[in-house]
Amino acid sequence: MLGYVEEPEKARVALSPIRRQLLELLREPSSATQLAAALELPRQRVGYHLRELEKAGLVELVEERQRRGFTERIFRAATLVIDPAVMGQAFTGIQDQYAAEHLIEVAAGTVQNVARMQSAAGSKRLLTFTLETEVRFAEPGDVHRFTDALTEAVRQVVEQFDTEGGRPYRLIAGGHPAPRRTEGES
């Protein structure tokens, strides 16, 4: 299958490190179980990323086999031609959104920027806002589904409030495992 990618979102789907690894491995047809073993990742996590790649048309189903009471699906990467105009758009703001190093880099940059602006503001109040909460995930794959849902919700709210010529604000959302609580902490 030859796919022509002209939508930035479709290119973004393929750019996360795990999805790039899957596409590389899927030059040869393979199943989620085989890919999970090769990458030493949980099969459910690999299955999630395969479904996203399949929805975007970046992998194709080449065979279904009956195996020990279930259907094993075999995929192969599509041959992609990406419109050069898309590449600049697709790479804008793309980082490994699940990497701890990226979260640390963003958090450190935020502390640096806000501290500088607060210092420069002197006695004036620097208008900021903070959202903080804790969420509990039942399964590791829930983190990715939550991130996708949160991204879409934020995109919709930003679209509603973004005003040409308005004062720009930077919104950062990050998540990390909550530290273990010791006895007596609430």
Protein backbone atom coordinates (compact mmCIF):
# COMPACT_ATOMS: atom_id res chain seq x y z
CA MET A 1 0.00 0.00 0.00
CA LEU A 2 1.29 3.45 -0.91
CA GLY A 3 0.04 6.32 1.22
CA TYR A 4 0.33 10.00 0.41
CA VAL A 5 0.38 12.10 3.59
CA GLU A 6 -0.75 15.67 3.13
CA GLU A 7 -2.32 16.31 6.56
CA PRO A 8 0.03 17.43 9.38
CA GLU A 9 -1.92 15.42 11.96
CA LYS A 10 -1.35 12.19 10.05
CA ALA A 11 2.40 12.88 9.99
CA ARG A 12 2.36 13.65 13.74
CA VAL A 13 0.83 10.23 14.46
CA ALA A 14 3.95 8.59 13.03
CA LEU A 15 6.49 10.82 14.77
CA SER A 16 6.48 9.57 18.37
CA PRO A 17 9.53 7.41 19.11
CA ILE A 18 7.55 4.23 19.79
CA ARG A 19 5.49 4.63 16.61
CA ARG A 20 8.62 5.25 14.54
CA GLN A 21 10.07 2.02 15.99
CA LEU A 22 6.87 0.14 15.15
CA LEU A 23 6.87 1.45 11.58
CA GLU A 24 10.52 0.42 11.23
CA LEU A 25 9.81 -3.10 12.50
CA LEU A 26 6.69 -3.35 10.34
CA ARG A 27 8.71 -3.28 7.16
CA GLU A 28 8.20 -7.02 7.67
CA PRO A 29 4.66 -8.16 8.58
CA SER A 30 4.25 -8.74 12.31
CA SER A 31 1.68 -9.02 15.11
CA ALA A 32 1.29 -6.91 18.25
CA THR A 33 2.61 -9.83 20.32
CA GLN A 34 5.74 -10.16 18.17
CA LEU A 35 6.33 -6.40 18.21
CA ALA A 36 5.85 -6.23 21.99
CA ALA A 37 8.47 -8.95 22.46
CA ALA A 38 10.90 -7.20 20.11
CA LEU A 39 10.49 -3.85 21.91
CA GLU A 40 10.17 -5.36 25.40
CA LEU A 41 6.91 -3.48 25.95
CA PRO A 42 3.48 -4.62 27.16
CA ARG A 43 1.36 -6.01 24.31
CA GLN A 44 -1.53 -3.69 25.27
CA ARG A 45 0.67 -0.62 24.84
CA VAL A 46 1.88 -1.82 21.45
CA GLY A 47 -1.71 -2.68 20.46
CA TYR A 48 -2.82 0.86 21.32
CA HIS A 49 -0.14 2.41 19.11
CA LEU A 50 -0.90 -0.04 16.29
CA ARG A 51 -4.59 0.95 16.38
CA GLU A 52 -3.62 4.63 16.16
CA LEU A 53 -1.31 3.93 13.23
CA GLU A 54 -4.03 1.86 11.56
CA LYS A 55 -6.63 4.64 12.03
CA ALA A 56 -4.21 7.08 10.36
CA GLY A 57 -3.67 4.68 7.46
CA LEU A 58 0.01 4.27 8.28
CA VAL A 59 -0.15 0.48 8.72
CA GLU A 60 -2.28 -2.06 6.93
CA LEU A 61 -3.77 -5.35 8.02
CA VAL A 62 -2.30 -8.09 5.82
CA GLU A 63 -3.61 -11.22 7.51
CA GLU A 64 -5.76 -12.54 10.34
CA ARG A 65 -4.91 -15.93 11.85
CA GLN A 66 -6.81 -18.04 14.34
CA ARG A 67 -4.44 -18.79 17.20
CA ARG A 68 -5.28 -20.48 20.51
CA GLY A 69 -8.86 -19.20 20.62
CA PHE A 70 -8.21 -15.65 19.43
CA THR A 71 -7.58 -13.85 16.17
CA GLU A 72 -4.01 -12.70 15.63
CA ARG A 73 -3.79 -9.66 13.37
CA ILE A 74 -0.69 -9.24 11.21
CA PHE A 75 0.24 -5.72 10.09
CA ARG A 76 2.70 -4.17 7.67
CA ALA A 77 3.81 -0.54 7.42
CA ALA A 78 2.43 1.41 4.50
CA THR A 79 4.92 2.94 2.10
CA LEU A 80 4.54 6.64 2.77
CA VAL A 81 5.17 9.68 0.66
CA ILE A 82 4.93 12.80 2.81
CA ASP A 83 4.14 16.12 1.18
CA PRO A 84 7.17 18.36 1.89
CA ALA A 85 4.86 21.24 2.87
CA VAL A 86 3.51 19.09 5.70
CA MET A 87 6.87 18.39 7.31
CA GLY A 88 7.39 21.88 8.70
CA GLN A 89 3.89 21.84 10.17
CA ALA A 90 4.19 18.31 11.52
CA PHE A 91 7.45 18.94 13.36
CA THR A 92 6.28 22.15 15.06
CA GLY A 93 6.18 21.49 18.79
CA ILE A 94 6.71 17.73 18.47
CA GLN A 95 8.69 16.17 21.28
CA ASP A 96 8.43 12.82 22.96
CA GLN A 97 5.46 13.76 25.11
CA TYR A 98 5.97 10.69 27.30
CA ALA A 99 9.68 11.20 28.07
CA ALA A 100 10.61 12.28 31.60
CA GLU A 101 13.56 14.25 30.21
CA HIS A 102 11.21 16.37 28.11
CA LEU A 103 8.95 17.08 31.11
CA ILE A 104 11.98 18.15 33.16
CA GLU A 105 13.21 20.39 30.32
CA VAL A 106 9.80 22.06 29.96
CA ALA A 107 9.37 22.49 33.72
CA ALA A 108 12.84 23.99 34.09
CA GLY A 109 12.18 26.39 31.22
CA THR A 110 8.89 27.41 32.82
CA VAL A 111 10.55 28.15 36.17
CA GLN A 112 13.25 30.18 34.40
CA ASN A 113 10.79 32.19 32.26
CA VAL A 114 8.31 32.94 35.07
CA ALA A 115 11.10 33.89 37.52
CA ARG A 116 12.59 36.33 34.97
CA MET A 117 9.21 37.89 34.18
CA GLN A 118 8.32 38.18 37.88
CA SER A 119 11.63 39.86 38.57
CA ALA A 120 11.16 42.25 35.63
CA ALA A 121 7.60 43.06 36.75
CA GLY A 122 8.91 44.55 39.99
CA SER A 123 5.94 45.62 42.11
CA LYS A 124 3.42 44.84 39.35
CA ARG A 125 1.48 41.60 39.68
CA LEU A 126 2.36 38.97 37.08
CA LEU A 127 -0.93 37.41 35.97
CA THR A 128 -0.49 33.63 35.90
CA PHE A 129 -2.67 30.60 36.56
CA THR A 130 -2.01 27.08 37.76
CA LEU A 131 -4.05 23.91 37.38
CA GLU A 132 -3.08 20.96 39.53
CA THR A 133 -4.82 17.67 40.19
CA GLU A 134 -4.15 13.99 40.66
CA VAL A 135 -5.63 11.21 38.53
CA ARG A 136 -5.37 7.44 39.05
CA PHE A 137 -5.05 5.18 36.00
CA ALA A 138 -6.20 1.56 36.08
CA GLU A 139 -4.01 0.47 33.15
CA PRO A 140 -0.76 1.84 31.67
CA GLY A 141 -2.50 2.43 28.32
CA ASP A 142 -4.95 4.76 30.07
CA VAL A 143 -2.17 7.36 30.33
CA HIS A 144 -2.00 7.58 26.54
CA ARG A 145 -5.77 7.69 26.09
CA PHE A 146 -6.01 10.36 28.81
CA THR A 147 -3.26 12.41 27.14
CA ASP A 148 -5.02 12.20 23.77
CA ALA A 149 -8.37 13.22 25.32
CA LEU A 150 -6.77 16.07 27.30
CA THR A 151 -4.95 17.30 24.20
CA GLU A 152 -8.22 17.43 22.25
CA ALA A 153 -10.05 19.19 25.11
CA VAL A 154 -7.28 21.80 25.43
CA ARG A 155 -7.24 22.28 21.65
CA GLN A 156 -10.97 23.05 21.71
CA VAL A 157 -10.70 25.51 24.63
CA VAL A 158 -7.67 27.24 23.07
CA GLU A 159 -9.57 27.53 19.79
CA GLN A 160 -12.44 29.21 21.67
CA PHE A 161 -10.25 31.80 23.46
CA ASP A 162 -7.31 32.38 21.09
CA THR A 163 -7.52 35.92 19.72
CA GLU A 164 -5.37 37.32 16.93
CA GLY A 165 -3.32 40.18 18.40
CA GLY A 166 -4.12 39.16 21.98
CA ARG A 167 -1.49 38.74 24.67
CA PRO A 168 0.05 35.26 24.30
CA TYR A 169 0.13 32.88 27.25
CA ARG A 170 1.96 29.60 27.36
CA LEU A 171 -0.01 26.64 28.69
CA ILE A 172 1.89 23.59 29.87
CA ALA A 173 0.32 20.37 31.06
CA GLY A 174 2.52 17.62 32.37
CA GLY A 175 2.05 14.50 34.36
CA HIS A 176 4.31 12.30 36.42
CA PRO A 177 3.82 9.53 38.93
CA ALA A 178 2.82 10.97 42.30
CA PRO A 179 5.47 10.48 45.00
CA ARG A 180 4.64 7.78 47.52
CA ARG A 181 3.06 9.20 50.63
CA THR A 182 4.49 8.39 54.02
CA GLU A 183 2.31 7.64 57.02
CA GLY A 184 0.66 10.74 58.38
CA GLU A 185 0.59 12.58 55.01
CA SER A 186 -2.81 13.31 53.56
